[in-house]
Structures are given as C-alpha cells and as structure tokens.
Amino acid sequence: MARRRYQRGHVFLRGKRGQRVWVGRYLEGVTTTGKRINKSVVLGEEKDFSGKKMALRALEPYLKKVNDINYRPATTGDVRGVRENLEGYGAANG
C-alpha cells in the first residue's frame, strides 16, 4: 500500500463544558501485522484557541515528521510475532 503524500490530520473537542480540550489525530504508520498506528495528541484547552483552524495549526509540528518526503514508518513488533504470522499463513493456505 502506497503512503499518502500529505496528511492534514483531524482535530476535535473532547470533554465537558468548561473542561473541553482540543485533540488532534493523525496516522503515523503501519505495523508488521498490517495494523495502522493512529496517534492522538492533546493540543490545549478550548480557550487557548480561537477556533478549529488554530487547533489545526497547533497540530502541524506533529505532522511535520510524518509528511517529510524521506519518512519511513518505524515497524513495531518482534521476530516472534512475524514468525507466528507466517506460520498461521502457511497453515491456512496449505
């Protein structure tokens, strides 16, 4: 699966009235098992930003690494996990 060229991320408000915070989410990479790694970051309180666009701007430093042209997602997992997946694949197909 090809990596997307650019991510903008997603921001939303979480919490109760008076205690709301802006949260940003973005996709960091894919593990060896094929699962996506979704990152979530608390950007600040609602009163710190004038709106959604300002919260998106606060998310940009987190996306800078992911949007870099030379970015390669770090694979998580160990050899044992890969071996178990391959053994399971062989048992299911043959």
C-alpha atoms as a PDB file:
ATOM      1  CA  MET A   1       0.000   0.000   0.000  1.00  0.00           C
ATOM      2  CA  ALA A   2       1.428   3.340  -1.030  1.00  0.00           C
ATOM      3  CA  ARG A   3       1.917   6.019   1.573  1.00  0.00           C
ATOM      4  CA  ARG A   4      -0.134   9.167   1.210  1.00  0.00           C
ATOM      5  CA  ARG A   5       1.879  12.164   0.204  1.00  0.00           C
ATOM      6  CA  TYR A   6       0.472  14.617   2.715  1.00  0.00           C
ATOM      7  CA  GLN A   7      -1.627  14.472   5.887  1.00  0.00           C
ATOM      8  CA  ARG A   8      -3.592  17.312   7.451  1.00  0.00           C
ATOM      9  CA  GLY A   9      -4.793  15.422  10.493  1.00  0.00           C
ATOM     10  CA  HIS A  10      -8.094  15.831  12.303  1.00  0.00           C
ATOM     11  CA  VAL A  11      -8.956  17.986  15.323  1.00  0.00           C
ATOM     12  CA  PHE A  12     -11.989  17.863  17.587  1.00  0.00           C
ATOM     13  CA  LEU A  13     -13.163  18.974  21.023  1.00  0.00           C
ATOM     14  CA  ARG A  14     -13.285  16.460  23.863  1.00  0.00           C
ATOM     15  CA  GLY A  15     -14.695  16.868  27.352  1.00  0.00           C
ATOM     16  CA  LYS A  16     -17.467  18.603  29.258  1.00  0.00           C
ATOM     17  CA  ARG A  17     -18.387  22.264  29.016  1.00  0.00           C
ATOM     18  CA  GLY A  18     -15.767  24.333  30.790  1.00  0.00           C
ATOM     19  CA  GLN A  19     -13.202  21.496  30.645  1.00  0.00           C
ATOM     20  CA  ARG A  20     -13.019  20.982  26.887  1.00  0.00           C
ATOM     21  CA  VAL A  21      -9.709  20.381  25.155  1.00  0.00           C
ATOM     22  CA  TRP A  22      -8.690  20.275  21.512  1.00  0.00           C
ATOM     23  CA  VAL A  23      -7.417  16.856  20.451  1.00  0.00           C
ATOM     24  CA  GLY A  24      -5.540  16.150  17.228  1.00  0.00           C
ATOM     25  CA  ARG A  25      -5.302  12.786  15.463  1.00  0.00           C
ATOM     26  CA  TYR A  26      -3.132  11.540  12.633  1.00  0.00           C
ATOM     27  CA  LEU A  27      -1.896   8.298  11.101  1.00  0.00           C
ATOM     28  CA  GLU A  28       1.737   7.510  11.848  1.00  0.00           C
ATOM     29  CA  GLY A  29       2.404   4.241  10.049  1.00  0.00           C
ATOM     30  CA  VAL A  30       1.653   0.563   9.667  1.00  0.00           C
ATOM     31  CA  THR A  31       2.935  -2.255  11.888  1.00  0.00           C
ATOM     32  CA  THR A  32       4.389  -5.537  10.659  1.00  0.00           C
ATOM     33  CA  THR A  33       0.988  -7.138  11.202  1.00  0.00           C
ATOM     34  CA  GLY A  34      -0.631  -4.599   8.866  1.00  0.00           C
ATOM     35  CA  LYS A  35      -2.423  -2.602  11.548  1.00  0.00           C
ATOM     36  CA  ARG A  36      -2.409   1.187  11.373  1.00  0.00           C
ATOM     37  CA  ILE A  37      -0.897   3.277  14.149  1.00  0.00           C
ATOM     38  CA  ASN A  38      -3.242   6.147  15.000  1.00  0.00           C
ATOM     39  CA  LYS A  39      -1.713   8.861  17.155  1.00  0.00           C
ATOM     40  CA  SER A  40      -3.750  11.182  19.346  1.00  0.00           C
ATOM     41  CA  VAL A  41      -2.384  14.334  20.944  1.00  0.00           C
ATOM     42  CA  VAL A  42      -3.977  16.863  23.326  1.00  0.00           C
ATOM     43  CA  LEU A  43      -3.266  20.291  21.836  1.00  0.00           C
ATOM     44  CA  GLY A  44      -4.636  22.506  24.595  1.00  0.00           C
ATOM     45  CA  GLU A  45      -7.738  23.890  26.226  1.00  0.00           C
ATOM     46  CA  GLU A  46     -10.623  25.279  24.198  1.00  0.00           C
ATOM     47  CA  LYS A  47      -9.985  28.816  25.460  1.00  0.00           C
ATOM     48  CA  ASP A  48      -6.385  28.706  24.149  1.00  0.00           C
ATOM     49  CA  PHE A  49      -7.532  28.593  20.504  1.00  0.00           C
ATOM     50  CA  SER A  50      -9.925  30.886  18.661  1.00  0.00           C
ATOM     51  CA  GLY A  51     -11.278  28.027  16.549  1.00  0.00           C
ATOM     52  CA  LYS A  52     -10.676  24.833  14.628  1.00  0.00           C
ATOM     53  CA  LYS A  53      -8.181  26.397  12.204  1.00  0.00           C
ATOM     54  CA  MET A  54      -5.932  27.476  15.063  1.00  0.00           C
ATOM     55  CA  ALA A  55      -6.076  23.961  16.518  1.00  0.00           C
ATOM     56  CA  LEU A  56      -5.070  22.561  13.109  1.00  0.00           C
ATOM     57  CA  ARG A  57      -2.087  24.923  13.091  1.00  0.00           C
ATOM     58  CA  ALA A  58      -1.081  23.625  16.525  1.00  0.00           C
ATOM     59  CA  LEU A  59      -1.143  20.079  15.097  1.00  0.00           C
ATOM     60  CA  GLU A  60       1.249  20.923  12.241  1.00  0.00           C
ATOM     61  CA  PRO A  61       4.519  20.332  14.184  1.00  0.00           C
ATOM     62  CA  TYR A  62       3.392  16.763  14.914  1.00  0.00           C
ATOM     63  CA  LEU A  63       2.610  16.184  11.238  1.00  0.00           C
ATOM     64  CA  LYS A  64       5.901  17.647  10.014  1.00  0.00           C
ATOM     65  CA  LYS A  65       7.792  14.383  10.641  1.00  0.00           C
ATOM     66  CA  VAL A  66       5.103  12.239   9.031  1.00  0.00           C
ATOM     67  CA  ASN A  67       4.799  14.472   5.959  1.00  0.00           C
ATOM     68  CA  ASP A  68       8.548  14.561   5.315  1.00  0.00           C
ATOM     69  CA  ILE A  69       9.463  13.126   1.899  1.00  0.00           C
ATOM     70  CA  ASN A  70      12.061  10.772   3.453  1.00  0.00           C
ATOM     71  CA  TYR A  71       9.757   9.495   6.207  1.00  0.00           C
ATOM     72  CA  ARG A  72       9.597   5.742   6.658  1.00  0.00           C
ATOM     73  CA  PRO A  73       7.315   4.430   9.407  1.00  0.00           C
ATOM     74  CA  ALA A  74       9.110   2.531  12.138  1.00  0.00           C
ATOM     75  CA  THR A  75       7.886  -1.033  12.302  1.00  0.00           C
ATOM     76  CA  THR A  76       6.866  -2.266  15.692  1.00  0.00           C
ATOM     77  CA  GLY A  77       6.950  -5.882  16.643  1.00  0.00           C
ATOM     78  CA  ASP A  78       9.496  -8.597  17.095  1.00  0.00           C
ATOM     79  CA  VAL A  79      10.690 -11.603  15.147  1.00  0.00           C
ATOM     80  CA  ARG A  80       8.481 -13.927  17.172  1.00  0.00           C
ATOM     81  CA  GLY A  81       5.349 -12.050  16.082  1.00  0.00           C
ATOM     82  CA  VAL A  82       6.360 -12.146  12.421  1.00  0.00           C
ATOM     83  CA  ARG A  83       7.155 -15.865  12.651  1.00  0.00           C
ATOM     84  CA  GLU A  84       3.761 -16.605  14.211  1.00  0.00           C
ATOM     85  CA  ASN A  85       2.009 -14.671  11.453  1.00  0.00           C
ATOM     86  CA  LEU A  86       3.908 -16.564   8.765  1.00  0.00           C
ATOM     87  CA  GLU A  87       3.186 -19.913  10.384  1.00  0.00           C
ATOM     88  CA  GLY A  88      -0.501 -19.034  10.604  1.00  0.00           C
ATOM     89  CA  TYR A  89      -0.475 -18.028   6.935  1.00  0.00           C
ATOM     90  CA  GLY A  90       1.160 -21.328   5.910  1.00  0.00           C
ATOM     91  CA  ALA A  91      -1.318 -23.380   7.927  1.00  0.00           C
ATOM     92  CA  ALA A  92      -4.286 -21.570   6.382  1.00  0.00           C
ATOM     93  CA  ASN A  93      -3.061 -21.904   2.801  1.00  0.00           C
ATOM     94  CA  GLY A  94      -1.501 -25.270   2.647  1.00  0.00           C
END
